[in-house]
Structures are given as structure tokens and as C-alpha cells.
Amino acid sequence: MRVVFFGTPDFAVPSLRTLLEARFPVVAVVTQPDRPRGRSHSVLVAPPVKRLAEEAGIPVLQPERPAGDLFLAALRRLEPEIGVVAAYGHILRPDLLALPPRGMLNVHASLLPRWRGAAPIQYAILRGDDETGISIMRMEAGLDSGPVLHRTPTAIEPDETGGALTDRLARLGAVAITDALQRLIDGSNIAARQDDTRATYAPKIDRQAARLDWRKPAADLARQVRAFDPVPGAWTLLGGEPVKLFGARVSSGTAAEDERAAGRVLRAGTRLLIACGSGALLVREVQPAGRTRISAEAWLHGRDPSAAVVFQ
């Protein structure tokens, strides 16, 4: 079964690698263009999927948008039978979805229909879900609304970050997509329509979504810090400058007296303890603007312990 693979970031790499190891004929990889990186934005960096494809000797296509007659013609010449999509980063138009005779399959990081959309991993943590997983979905014009061929559930660990869960789901997705393709070959894979009435949505994360509101309960803020670790990083303001916080958990037995105390640092030795709308947040790492992540102990060292510190 001739496969064309669409993917860009690290999340997609295990799926492509596993397809290659299982000897599925991947005729081409479609990924986003190389992007400038570094302080001066002068160095173009290839997407992780492109680097793996080039190592394997697979043709790589990098359109700015996966549309247009020239791009579609290039794909047709490769005669793919099926497409596999894993975190490619663009919505695929109906004419592209219809190009492979056996359609397009998507490696989606949730148990559909829960958390359709761009950020299912972060929203599963934000909302306190106990479970998530991988869904292999046949793509259609709607947003993650196509029939599901295969599901792989997994528990979300109590202190698991967005980054750690992404890595784990990437590995689960690699196994799930190869299983789904093999079942299609064997004729044993029957897709099930989703129940649209149970759908929830996980929109793309913007900067404001990652800002901490200290009037909220500590448990909510701890989930927010975990969900956005390592990127984009949950942030707050101190003296008008942004500060990112990492490694947060609820501190037992500590509570803010009232909402006016929210955001105030409650020092406890070298620990960074911050009052919330209810409860308090214990933070392990801090990243001031323009600097790398450091331990809360190092950040507190040298600060006047008698001076009030209030995050906003």
C-alpha cells in the first residue's frame, strides 16, 4: 500500500519511523517549509520529519500551503494509495483528501469525539481528564469529525506535563497507525462514526490562554502550568515583565486569606509558594524574560526576603 505521509514536528517522527520499519512503501513526505531560528532568525532549520525522510531517502515536498494544481499534480505522479497525517499543521482541502484512492488517515491525540481541534493534549490536562489516547480517524471536510478506525486509550499521570504526554502519545500513535493500516490491508478494520453530540473542542493555544490568573484555585493553575510545559509556558507578570513558571503543584494545607492575596509570594525557606484564589501553588522552576529556566531556589536567592513579591 503506497503511502504519502504528512507531518512536521517531533510528534510525527515516531509514526513515520514505524511505518518505515514496518516496510510500508512511503512514496513521499509532505512537511512544512524550513523556518528561520535563532536570535537573528538567519538560520533555516528543517522540520524533524524532513530530517528523517532525507535520512531514509524519501522525496520531500514542502509547499507553503498544500494546495494548487502544481502540488496536486506532483502528488498524483507518485500514485499514493493512502495518506497518513500526523500533526502536519495545515487543514487539508477536499480535493487533496480525495486524491489517494483509499483516503487519508489522521493520527489524532485524543479519544474522539472529545477534544477535536489543534490542542487536544493541552486541553485534556487543563480540564483535569483522567484519560486520553490516540484515535486513528478517516479524514473528511469537518474538523476531526470523520469515522474512527482505531482507538488506544491511556491514563494521564497526576503530574504529567504537556511535553511528557505529547512524547508518550507520539509513541502510541506510531503503533496505532501501523495497526490500522495492517487491518485495512487485511480487510478487518471497520470505521465507526463519531457521536457529534459528545464532541468537545480544543482550539489553538494563544498567548492569553497561557497567562495565569491568580484569582483561580490552585488546582486549576497547577493544571495550566503542566499543560503548557514546555511550550508555550504558563506565564505571569512581575514588575511589568513576563515570567514563566514550571513544575507547579498544589501545596497542601496553605490557603490565601482572600482574593486580594492572590499572586502574593508566600516564602517558605527556599520554596516558591504563591497564594491563589483558593489554596497555594508550589513552583519548582522559573524562567524570567530572556533567560533560561532556573530552579525556584536559585531565583529566590539574593532577593530581599522582607520585600513583598506579587505576581499579576
C-alpha atoms as a PDB file:
ATOM      1  CA  MET A   1       0.000   0.000   0.000  1.00  0.00           C
ATOM      2  CA  ARG A   2       1.747   3.138  -1.261  1.00  0.00           C
ATOM      3  CA  VAL A   3       1.686   5.825   1.467  1.00  0.00           C
ATOM      4  CA  VAL A   4       2.156   9.583   1.327  1.00  0.00           C
ATOM      5  CA  PHE A   5       2.972  10.940   4.789  1.00  0.00           C
ATOM      6  CA  PHE A   6       2.034  14.430   6.025  1.00  0.00           C
ATOM      7  CA  GLY A   7       3.737  15.615   9.225  1.00  0.00           C
ATOM      8  CA  THR A   8       6.023  18.285  10.625  1.00  0.00           C
ATOM      9  CA  PRO A   9       7.071  18.274  14.338  1.00  0.00           C
ATOM     10  CA  ASP A  10       8.651  15.725  16.659  1.00  0.00           C
ATOM     11  CA  PHE A  11       5.202  14.248  17.392  1.00  0.00           C
ATOM     12  CA  ALA A  12       5.036  12.897  13.822  1.00  0.00           C
ATOM     13  CA  VAL A  13       8.506  11.338  13.756  1.00  0.00           C
ATOM     14  CA  PRO A  14       7.677   8.040  15.552  1.00  0.00           C
ATOM     15  CA  SER A  15       4.758   7.416  13.172  1.00  0.00           C
ATOM     16  CA  LEU A  16       6.937   7.896  10.086  1.00  0.00           C
ATOM     17  CA  ARG A  17       9.777   5.847  11.553  1.00  0.00           C
ATOM     18  CA  THR A  18       7.452   2.982  12.480  1.00  0.00           C
ATOM     19  CA  LEU A  19       5.898   2.937   9.003  1.00  0.00           C
ATOM     20  CA  LEU A  20       9.382   2.654   7.534  1.00  0.00           C
ATOM     21  CA  GLU A  21      10.411  -0.080   9.972  1.00  0.00           C
ATOM     22  CA  ALA A  22       7.217  -1.989   9.096  1.00  0.00           C
ATOM     23  CA  ARG A  23       8.236  -1.661   5.433  1.00  0.00           C
ATOM     24  CA  PHE A  24       5.224   0.287   4.271  1.00  0.00           C
ATOM     25  CA  PRO A  25       6.263   1.940   0.990  1.00  0.00           C
ATOM     26  CA  VAL A  26       6.294   5.661   1.837  1.00  0.00           C
ATOM     27  CA  VAL A  27       6.475   7.311  -1.590  1.00  0.00           C
ATOM     28  CA  ALA A  28       6.786  10.898  -0.320  1.00  0.00           C
ATOM     29  CA  VAL A  29       6.712  13.086   2.770  1.00  0.00           C
ATOM     30  CA  VAL A  30       4.848  16.396   2.811  1.00  0.00           C
ATOM     31  CA  THR A  31       6.006  18.761   5.527  1.00  0.00           C
ATOM     32  CA  GLN A  32       6.117  22.484   6.209  1.00  0.00           C
ATOM     33  CA  PRO A  33       8.944  24.643   4.824  1.00  0.00           C
ATOM     34  CA  ASP A  34      12.197  25.144   6.699  1.00  0.00           C
ATOM     35  CA  ARG A  35      11.808  28.021   9.174  1.00  0.00           C
ATOM     36  CA  PRO A  36      14.329  30.580  10.478  1.00  0.00           C
ATOM     37  CA  ARG A  37      15.557  30.014  14.016  1.00  0.00           C
ATOM     38  CA  GLY A  38      17.999  31.595  16.424  1.00  0.00           C
ATOM     39  CA  ARG A  39      18.297  35.106  17.803  1.00  0.00           C
ATOM     40  CA  SER A  40      18.895  36.675  14.398  1.00  0.00           C
ATOM     41  CA  HIS A  41      16.493  34.348  12.534  1.00  0.00           C
ATOM     42  CA  SER A  42      19.268  33.889   9.989  1.00  0.00           C
ATOM     43  CA  VAL A  43      19.496  30.087  10.067  1.00  0.00           C
ATOM     44  CA  LEU A  44      16.899  27.941   8.326  1.00  0.00           C
ATOM     45  CA  VAL A  45      16.049  24.786  10.291  1.00  0.00           C
ATOM     46  CA  ALA A  46      14.382  21.779   8.690  1.00  0.00           C
ATOM     47  CA  PRO A  47      11.347  20.201  10.379  1.00  0.00           C
ATOM     48  CA  PRO A  48      12.098  16.969  12.274  1.00  0.00           C
ATOM     49  CA  VAL A  49      10.034  14.920   9.804  1.00  0.00           C
ATOM     50  CA  LYS A  50      12.056  16.243   6.875  1.00  0.00           C
ATOM     51  CA  ARG A  51      15.326  15.243   8.535  1.00  0.00           C
ATOM     52  CA  LEU A  52      14.111  11.661   8.994  1.00  0.00           C
ATOM     53  CA  ALA A  53      12.747  11.498   5.441  1.00  0.00           C
ATOM     54  CA  GLU A  54      16.039  12.655   3.962  1.00  0.00           C
ATOM     55  CA  GLU A  55      17.949  10.091   6.042  1.00  0.00           C
ATOM     56  CA  ALA A  56      15.663   7.411   4.598  1.00  0.00           C
ATOM     57  CA  GLY A  57      15.985   8.714   1.032  1.00  0.00           C
ATOM     58  CA  ILE A  58      12.312   9.627   0.697  1.00  0.00           C
ATOM     59  CA  PRO A  59      11.247  12.507  -1.587  1.00  0.00           C
ATOM     60  CA  VAL A  60      10.175  15.588   0.408  1.00  0.00           C
ATOM     61  CA  LEU A  61       7.585  18.182  -0.652  1.00  0.00           C
ATOM     62  CA  GLN A  62       7.425  21.469   1.300  1.00  0.00           C
ATOM     63  CA  PRO A  63       4.647  23.670  -0.051  1.00  0.00           C
ATOM     64  CA  GLU A  64       3.773  26.808   1.886  1.00  0.00           C
ATOM     65  CA  ARG A  65       0.177  25.582   1.572  1.00  0.00           C
ATOM     66  CA  PRO A  66      -0.847  22.057   0.495  1.00  0.00           C
ATOM     67  CA  ALA A  67      -2.977  23.278  -2.397  1.00  0.00           C
ATOM     68  CA  GLY A  68      -2.790  24.273  -6.039  1.00  0.00           C
ATOM     69  CA  ASP A  69      -2.544  22.439  -9.336  1.00  0.00           C
ATOM     70  CA  LEU A  70       1.225  22.005  -9.295  1.00  0.00           C
ATOM     71  CA  PHE A  71       1.265  20.462  -5.817  1.00  0.00           C
ATOM     72  CA  LEU A  72      -1.641  18.117  -6.559  1.00  0.00           C
ATOM     73  CA  ALA A  73      -0.068  17.076  -9.853  1.00  0.00           C
ATOM     74  CA  ALA A  74       3.211  16.263  -8.091  1.00  0.00           C
ATOM     75  CA  LEU A  75       1.351  14.014  -5.660  1.00  0.00           C
ATOM     76  CA  ARG A  76      -0.625  12.284  -8.406  1.00  0.00           C
ATOM     77  CA  ARG A  77       2.578  11.367 -10.212  1.00  0.00           C
ATOM     78  CA  LEU A  78       3.659   9.455  -7.088  1.00  0.00           C
ATOM     79  CA  GLU A  79       0.445   7.364  -7.223  1.00  0.00           C
ATOM     80  CA  PRO A  80      -0.194   7.111  -3.473  1.00  0.00           C
ATOM     81  CA  GLU A  81      -2.922   4.711  -2.413  1.00  0.00           C
ATOM     82  CA  ILE A  82      -3.458   6.235   1.033  1.00  0.00           C
ATOM     83  CA  GLY A  83      -2.368   9.266   3.023  1.00  0.00           C
ATOM     84  CA  VAL A  84      -1.269   9.373   6.677  1.00  0.00           C
ATOM     85  CA  VAL A  85      -1.397  12.692   8.541  1.00  0.00           C
ATOM     86  CA  ALA A  86       0.285  13.305  11.913  1.00  0.00           C
ATOM     87  CA  ALA A  87       0.489  16.903  13.204  1.00  0.00           C
ATOM     88  CA  TYR A  88       1.102  18.358   9.750  1.00  0.00           C
ATOM     89  CA  GLY A  89      -0.117  21.833  10.724  1.00  0.00           C
ATOM     90  CA  HIS A  90      -2.471  22.672   7.837  1.00  0.00           C
ATOM     91  CA  ILE A  91      -6.105  21.911   7.096  1.00  0.00           C
ATOM     92  CA  LEU A  92      -6.361  19.693   4.005  1.00  0.00           C
ATOM     93  CA  ARG A  93      -8.856  20.676   1.343  1.00  0.00           C
ATOM     94  CA  PRO A  94     -11.416  18.188  -0.052  1.00  0.00           C
ATOM     95  CA  ASP A  95      -9.602  17.802  -3.388  1.00  0.00           C
ATOM     96  CA  LEU A  96      -6.448  16.719  -1.543  1.00  0.00           C
ATOM     97  CA  LEU A  97      -8.334  14.406   0.820  1.00  0.00           C
ATOM     98  CA  ALA A  98      -9.860  12.679  -2.212  1.00  0.00           C
ATOM     99  CA  LEU A  99      -6.570  12.242  -4.084  1.00  0.00           C
ATOM    100  CA  PRO A 100      -5.429   8.871  -2.618  1.00  0.00           C
ATOM    101  CA  PRO A 101      -7.989   6.208  -3.613  1.00  0.00           C
ATOM    102  CA  ARG A 102      -8.155   4.880  -0.032  1.00  0.00           C
ATOM    103  CA  GLY A 103      -8.397   8.320   1.536  1.00  0.00           C
ATOM    104  CA  MET A 104      -6.440   9.956   4.344  1.00  0.00           C
ATOM    105  CA  LEU A 105      -5.950   8.736   7.903  1.00  0.00           C
ATOM    106  CA  ASN A 106      -5.149  11.104  10.763  1.00  0.00           C
ATOM    107  CA  VAL A 107      -3.198  10.277  13.944  1.00  0.00           C
ATOM    108  CA  HIS A 108      -5.175  12.388  16.437  1.00  0.00           C
ATOM    109  CA  ALA A 109      -4.036  12.769  20.060  1.00  0.00           C
ATOM    110  CA  SER A 110      -7.347  12.321  21.885  1.00  0.00           C
ATOM    111  CA  LEU A 111     -10.190   9.854  22.250  1.00  0.00           C
ATOM    112  CA  LEU A 112     -12.525  11.375  19.693  1.00  0.00           C
ATOM    113  CA  PRO A 113     -15.053  12.940  19.753  1.00  0.00           C
ATOM    114  CA  ARG A 114     -13.504  14.501  22.875  1.00  0.00           C
ATOM    115  CA  TRP A 115     -11.063  17.292  22.085  1.00  0.00           C
ATOM    116  CA  ARG A 116     -11.368  17.846  18.390  1.00  0.00           C
ATOM    117  CA  GLY A 117      -9.056  20.605  17.218  1.00  0.00           C
ATOM    118  CA  ALA A 118      -5.477  21.846  17.378  1.00  0.00           C
ATOM    119  CA  ALA A 119      -4.543  21.377  21.060  1.00  0.00           C
ATOM    120  CA  PRO A 120      -6.133  18.160  22.390  1.00  0.00           C
ATOM    121  CA  ILE A 121      -3.199  17.245  24.648  1.00  0.00           C
ATOM    122  CA  GLN A 122      -3.116  20.581  26.442  1.00  0.00           C
ATOM    123  CA  TYR A 123      -6.886  20.696  26.910  1.00  0.00           C
ATOM    124  CA  ALA A 124      -7.042  17.176  28.317  1.00  0.00           C
ATOM    125  CA  ILE A 125      -4.643  18.281  31.077  1.00  0.00           C
ATOM    126  CA  LEU A 126      -6.283  21.693  31.531  1.00  0.00           C
ATOM    127  CA  ARG A 127      -9.691  20.162  32.131  1.00  0.00           C
ATOM    128  CA  GLY A 128      -8.407  17.516  34.514  1.00  0.00           C
ATOM    129  CA  ASP A 129      -9.164  14.478  32.338  1.00  0.00           C
ATOM    130  CA  ASP A 130      -8.063  11.165  33.815  1.00  0.00           C
ATOM    131  CA  GLU A 131      -7.683   9.552  30.404  1.00  0.00           C
ATOM    132  CA  THR A 132      -6.765  10.417  26.843  1.00  0.00           C
ATOM    133  CA  GLY A 133      -5.338   8.449  23.946  1.00  0.00           C
ATOM    134  CA  ILE A 134      -4.904   8.112  20.198  1.00  0.00           C
ATOM    135  CA  SER A 135      -7.642   7.954  17.588  1.00  0.00           C
ATOM    136  CA  ILE A 136      -6.918   6.905  14.011  1.00  0.00           C
ATOM    137  CA  MET A 137      -9.561   8.772  12.039  1.00  0.00           C
ATOM    138  CA  ARG A 138     -10.538   8.752   8.385  1.00  0.00           C
ATOM    139  CA  MET A 139     -10.353  12.403   7.403  1.00  0.00           C
ATOM    140  CA  GLU A 140     -13.249  14.348   5.911  1.00  0.00           C
ATOM    141  CA  ALA A 141     -14.119  18.013   5.413  1.00  0.00           C
ATOM    142  CA  GLY A 142     -15.298  18.574   9.029  1.00  0.00           C
ATOM    143  CA  LEU A 143     -12.976  19.360  11.934  1.00  0.00           C
ATOM    144  CA  ASP A 144     -11.775  15.960  13.224  1.00  0.00           C
ATOM    145  CA  SER A 145     -15.290  14.613  12.647  1.00  0.00           C
ATOM    146  CA  GLY A 146     -14.502  11.601  10.465  1.00  0.00           C
ATOM    147  CA  PRO A 147     -15.136   7.954  11.371  1.00  0.00           C
ATOM    148  CA  VAL A 148     -12.647   6.354  13.765  1.00  0.00           C
ATOM    149  CA  LEU A 149     -10.859   3.158  12.760  1.00  0.00           C
ATOM    150  CA  HIS A 150      -8.819   2.557  15.894  1.00  0.00           C
ATOM    151  CA  ARG A 151      -8.508   3.892  19.466  1.00  0.00           C
ATOM    152  CA  THR A 152      -5.726   3.450  22.005  1.00  0.00           C
ATOM    153  CA  PRO A 153      -6.588   4.809  25.485  1.00  0.00           C
ATOM    154  CA  THR A 154      -4.045   5.737  28.149  1.00  0.00           C
ATOM    155  CA  ALA A 155      -4.246   7.243  31.632  1.00  0.00           C
ATOM    156  CA  ILE A 156      -2.929  10.758  32.285  1.00  0.00           C
ATOM    157  CA  GLU A 157      -0.494  10.659  35.186  1.00  0.00           C
ATOM    158  CA  PRO A 158      -1.181  13.107  38.082  1.00  0.00           C
ATOM    159  CA  ASP A 159       1.949  15.244  37.488  1.00  0.00           C
ATOM    160  CA  GLU A 160       2.324  14.669  33.738  1.00  0.00           C
ATOM    161  CA  THR A 161       3.227  17.726  31.667  1.00  0.00           C
ATOM    162  CA  GLY A 162       2.058  18.561  28.183  1.00  0.00           C
ATOM    163  CA  GLY A 163       5.503  17.749  26.829  1.00  0.00           C
ATOM    164  CA  ALA A 164       5.738  14.372  28.532  1.00  0.00           C
ATOM    165  CA  LEU A 165       2.232  13.390  27.442  1.00  0.00           C
ATOM    166  CA  THR A 166       2.967  14.501  23.873  1.00  0.00           C
ATOM    167  CA  ASP A 167       6.018  12.230  23.744  1.00  0.00           C
ATOM    168  CA  ARG A 168       4.046   9.296  25.090  1.00  0.00           C
ATOM    169  CA  LEU A 169       1.141   9.796  22.710  1.00  0.00           C
ATOM    170  CA  ALA A 170       3.542  10.111  19.771  1.00  0.00           C
ATOM    171  CA  ARG A 171       4.825   6.606  20.517  1.00  0.00           C
ATOM    172  CA  LEU A 172       1.305   5.247  20.974  1.00  0.00           C
ATOM    173  CA  GLY A 173       0.251   6.892  17.716  1.00  0.00           C
ATOM    174  CA  ALA A 174       3.061   5.172  15.835  1.00  0.00           C
ATOM    175  CA  VAL A 175       1.845   1.757  16.921  1.00  0.00           C
ATOM    176  CA  ALA A 176      -1.800   2.650  16.321  1.00  0.00           C
ATOM    177  CA  ILE A 177      -1.324   3.863  12.727  1.00  0.00           C
ATOM    178  CA  THR A 178       0.619   0.776  11.675  1.00  0.00           C
ATOM    179  CA  ASP A 179      -2.045  -1.445  13.279  1.00  0.00           C
ATOM    180  CA  ALA A 180      -4.805   0.455  11.489  1.00  0.00           C
ATOM    181  CA  LEU A 181      -3.064   0.209   8.105  1.00  0.00           C
ATOM    182  CA  GLN A 182      -2.467  -3.508   8.544  1.00  0.00           C
ATOM    183  CA  ARG A 183      -6.132  -4.019   9.392  1.00  0.00           C
ATOM    184  CA  LEU A 184      -7.106  -2.130   6.249  1.00  0.00           C
ATOM    185  CA  ILE A 185      -4.872  -4.415   4.217  1.00  0.00           C
ATOM    186  CA  ASP A 186      -6.413  -7.460   5.908  1.00  0.00           C
ATOM    187  CA  GLY A 187      -9.934  -6.100   5.346  1.00  0.00           C
ATOM    188  CA  SER A 188     -10.745  -6.299   9.067  1.00  0.00           C
ATOM    189  CA  ASN A 189     -10.898  -2.610  10.000  1.00  0.00           C
ATOM    190  CA  ILE A 190     -14.409  -1.169  10.256  1.00  0.00           C
ATOM    191  CA  ALA A 191     -14.696   2.553  10.922  1.00  0.00           C
ATOM    192  CA  ALA A 192     -17.258   3.826  13.466  1.00  0.00           C
ATOM    193  CA  ARG A 193     -18.999   7.181  13.115  1.00  0.00           C
ATOM    194  CA  GLN A 194     -18.436   9.633  15.950  1.00  0.00           C
ATOM    195  CA  ASP A 195     -21.232  10.831  18.207  1.00  0.00           C
ATOM    196  CA  ASP A 196     -21.238  14.537  17.379  1.00  0.00           C
ATOM    197  CA  THR A 197     -23.379  15.345  20.430  1.00  0.00           C
ATOM    198  CA  ARG A 198     -20.433  14.365  22.680  1.00  0.00           C
ATOM    199  CA  ALA A 199     -17.837  16.472  20.849  1.00  0.00           C
ATOM    200  CA  THR A 200     -15.660  18.965  22.725  1.00  0.00           C
ATOM    201  CA  TYR A 201     -13.174  21.350  21.142  1.00  0.00           C
ATOM    202  CA  ALA A 202      -9.544  22.264  21.789  1.00  0.00           C
ATOM    203  CA  PRO A 203      -8.723  25.447  19.847  1.00  0.00           C
ATOM    204  CA  LYS A 204      -5.212  26.597  19.031  1.00  0.00           C
ATOM    205  CA  ILE A 205      -3.393  27.930  22.086  1.00  0.00           C
ATOM    206  CA  ASP A 206      -2.703  31.657  22.025  1.00  0.00           C
ATOM    207  CA  ARG A 207      -0.569  33.698  24.409  1.00  0.00           C
ATOM    208  CA  GLN A 208      -3.503  34.825  26.527  1.00  0.00           C
ATOM    209  CA  ALA A 209      -4.635  31.235  27.149  1.00  0.00           C
ATOM    210  CA  ALA A 210      -1.294  30.568  28.850  1.00  0.00           C
ATOM    211  CA  ARG A 211      -1.500  33.554  31.220  1.00  0.00           C
ATOM    212  CA  LEU A 212      -2.057  32.639  34.862  1.00  0.00           C
ATOM    213  CA  ASP A 213      -4.981  34.253  36.684  1.00  0.00           C
ATOM    214  CA  TRP A 214      -4.114  34.119  40.386  1.00  0.00           C
ATOM    215  CA  ARG A 215      -7.764  34.541  41.381  1.00  0.00           C
ATOM    216  CA  LYS A 216      -8.381  30.950  40.265  1.00  0.00           C
ATOM    217  CA  PRO A 217      -7.997  27.907  42.564  1.00  0.00           C
ATOM    218  CA  ALA A 218      -4.508  26.485  42.929  1.00  0.00           C
ATOM    219  CA  ALA A 219      -5.604  23.165  41.389  1.00  0.00           C
ATOM    220  CA  ASP A 220      -6.673  24.921  38.170  1.00  0.00           C
ATOM    221  CA  LEU A 221      -3.408  26.828  37.949  1.00  0.00           C
ATOM    222  CA  ALA A 222      -1.314  23.713  38.576  1.00  0.00           C
ATOM    223  CA  ARG A 223      -3.014  22.025  35.613  1.00  0.00           C
ATOM    224  CA  GLN A 224      -2.406  25.119  33.477  1.00  0.00           C
ATOM    225  CA  VAL A 225       1.307  25.122  34.297  1.00  0.00           C
ATOM    226  CA  ARG A 226       1.544  21.399  33.481  1.00  0.00           C
ATOM    227  CA  ALA A 227      -0.443  21.696  30.249  1.00  0.00           C
ATOM    228  CA  PHE A 228       1.836  24.400  28.821  1.00  0.00           C
ATOM    229  CA  ASP A 229       5.146  22.861  29.898  1.00  0.00           C
ATOM    230  CA  PRO A 230       7.451  23.217  27.981  1.00  0.00           C
ATOM    231  CA  VAL A 231       5.685  25.357  25.344  1.00  0.00           C
ATOM    232  CA  PRO A 232       4.388  27.971  25.272  1.00  0.00           C
ATOM    233  CA  GLY A 233       4.939  28.100  29.056  1.00  0.00           C
ATOM    234  CA  ALA A 234       2.353  29.361  31.545  1.00  0.00           C
ATOM    235  CA  TRP A 235       3.240  32.943  32.386  1.00  0.00           C
ATOM    236  CA  THR A 236       2.525  35.816  34.715  1.00  0.00           C
ATOM    237  CA  LEU A 237       3.801  39.358  35.237  1.00  0.00           C
ATOM    238  CA  LEU A 238       6.219  40.623  37.858  1.00  0.00           C
ATOM    239  CA  GLY A 239       7.036  44.312  37.767  1.00  0.00           C
ATOM    240  CA  GLY A 240       5.563  44.521  34.297  1.00  0.00           C
ATOM    241  CA  GLU A 241       7.861  41.790  32.915  1.00  0.00           C
ATOM    242  CA  PRO A 242       6.658  38.295  31.890  1.00  0.00           C
ATOM    243  CA  VAL A 243       7.817  35.332  33.943  1.00  0.00           C
ATOM    244  CA  LYS A 244       7.132  31.695  33.058  1.00  0.00           C
ATOM    245  CA  LEU A 245       6.541  29.100  35.770  1.00  0.00           C
ATOM    246  CA  PHE A 246       7.127  25.344  35.610  1.00  0.00           C
ATOM    247  CA  GLY A 247       6.851  22.324  37.875  1.00  0.00           C
ATOM    248  CA  ALA A 248       3.819  23.512  39.841  1.00  0.00           C
ATOM    249  CA  ARG A 249       1.708  21.527  42.256  1.00  0.00           C
ATOM    250  CA  VAL A 250      -0.881  22.363  44.872  1.00  0.00           C
ATOM    251  CA  SER A 251       0.588  22.937  48.316  1.00  0.00           C
ATOM    252  CA  SER A 252      -1.411  21.100  50.947  1.00  0.00           C
ATOM    253  CA  GLY A 253      -2.545  22.980  53.997  1.00  0.00           C
ATOM    254  CA  THR A 254      -1.975  26.504  52.649  1.00  0.00           C
ATOM    255  CA  ALA A 255      -4.693  28.884  51.525  1.00  0.00           C
ATOM    256  CA  ALA A 256      -4.924  32.527  50.613  1.00  0.00           C
ATOM    257  CA  GLU A 257      -6.906  34.519  53.176  1.00  0.00           C
ATOM    258  CA  ASP A 258      -8.911  36.262  50.488  1.00  0.00           C
ATOM    259  CA  GLU A 259      -8.835  37.170  46.809  1.00  0.00           C
ATOM    260  CA  ARG A 260      -6.697  40.267  47.498  1.00  0.00           C
ATOM    261  CA  ALA A 261      -3.816  37.959  48.445  1.00  0.00           C
ATOM    262  CA  ALA A 262      -3.883  36.181  45.086  1.00  0.00           C
ATOM    263  CA  GLY A 263      -0.467  36.238  43.409  1.00  0.00           C
ATOM    264  CA  ARG A 264       1.484  37.096  46.563  1.00  0.00           C
ATOM    265  CA  VAL A 265       4.611  35.027  47.164  1.00  0.00           C
ATOM    266  CA  LEU A 266       4.397  33.171  50.470  1.00  0.00           C
ATOM    267  CA  ARG A 267       8.011  32.310  51.137  1.00  0.00           C
ATOM    268  CA  ALA A 268       8.800  29.074  52.906  1.00  0.00           C
ATOM    269  CA  GLY A 269      12.565  28.795  53.139  1.00  0.00           C
ATOM    270  CA  THR A 270      13.845  28.297  49.589  1.00  0.00           C
ATOM    271  CA  ARG A 271      10.475  27.182  48.247  1.00  0.00           C
ATOM    272  CA  LEU A 272       8.459  29.413  45.934  1.00  0.00           C
ATOM    273  CA  LEU A 273       4.908  29.344  47.261  1.00  0.00           C
ATOM    274  CA  ILE A 274       2.286  31.575  45.639  1.00  0.00           C
ATOM    275  CA  ALA A 275      -1.158  32.393  47.022  1.00  0.00           C
ATOM    276  CA  CYS A 276      -4.111  31.718  44.723  1.00  0.00           C
ATOM    277  CA  GLY A 277      -7.831  32.470  44.844  1.00  0.00           C
ATOM    278  CA  SER A 278      -8.045  29.335  46.960  1.00  0.00           C
ATOM    279  CA  GLY A 279      -5.058  27.350  48.105  1.00  0.00           C
ATOM    280  CA  ALA A 280      -1.451  27.986  47.114  1.00  0.00           C
ATOM    281  CA  LEU A 281       0.856  26.879  44.325  1.00  0.00           C
ATOM    282  CA  LEU A 282       4.308  25.411  44.932  1.00  0.00           C
ATOM    283  CA  VAL A 283       6.606  26.126  41.957  1.00  0.00           C
ATOM    284  CA  ARG A 284       9.891  24.332  41.202  1.00  0.00           C
ATOM    285  CA  GLU A 285      11.235  26.346  38.238  1.00  0.00           C
ATOM    286  CA  VAL A 286      11.102  29.929  36.963  1.00  0.00           C
ATOM    287  CA  GLN A 287      12.014  31.458  33.604  1.00  0.00           C
ATOM    288  CA  PRO A 288      12.375  35.261  33.641  1.00  0.00           C
ATOM    289  CA  ALA A 289      12.047  37.078  30.319  1.00  0.00           C
ATOM    290  CA  GLY A 290      15.039  36.498  28.044  1.00  0.00           C
ATOM    291  CA  ARG A 291      16.623  33.885  30.320  1.00  0.00           C
ATOM    292  CA  THR A 292      16.685  30.103  30.653  1.00  0.00           C
ATOM    293  CA  ARG A 293      14.727  28.063  33.174  1.00  0.00           C
ATOM    294  CA  ILE A 294      16.254  28.069  36.651  1.00  0.00           C
ATOM    295  CA  SER A 295      15.271  26.499  39.941  1.00  0.00           C
ATOM    296  CA  ALA A 296      12.923  28.433  42.190  1.00  0.00           C
ATOM    297  CA  GLU A 297      15.632  28.272  44.867  1.00  0.00           C
ATOM    298  CA  ALA A 298      18.129  29.989  42.557  1.00  0.00           C
ATOM    299  CA  TRP A 299      15.550  32.586  41.570  1.00  0.00           C
ATOM    300  CA  LEU A 300      14.753  33.361  45.213  1.00  0.00           C
ATOM    301  CA  HIS A 301      18.428  33.534  46.192  1.00  0.00           C
ATOM    302  CA  GLY A 302      19.536  37.115  46.673  1.00  0.00           C
ATOM    303  CA  ARG A 303      16.034  38.574  46.745  1.00  0.00           C
ATOM    304  CA  ASP A 304      15.145  40.535  49.869  1.00  0.00           C
ATOM    305  CA  PRO A 305      13.047  38.116  51.950  1.00  0.00           C
ATOM    306  CA  SER A 306      11.257  41.011  53.646  1.00  0.00           C
ATOM    307  CA  ALA A 307      10.129  42.594  50.358  1.00  0.00           C
ATOM    308  CA  ALA A 308       6.651  41.764  49.113  1.00  0.00           C
ATOM    309  CA  VAL A 309       6.605  39.944  45.780  1.00  0.00           C
ATOM    310  CA  VAL A 310       3.263  39.836  43.972  1.00  0.00           C
ATOM    311  CA  PHE A 311       2.659  38.237  40.587  1.00  0.00           C
ATOM    312  CA  GLN A 312      -0.022  39.762  38.416  1.00  0.00           C
END
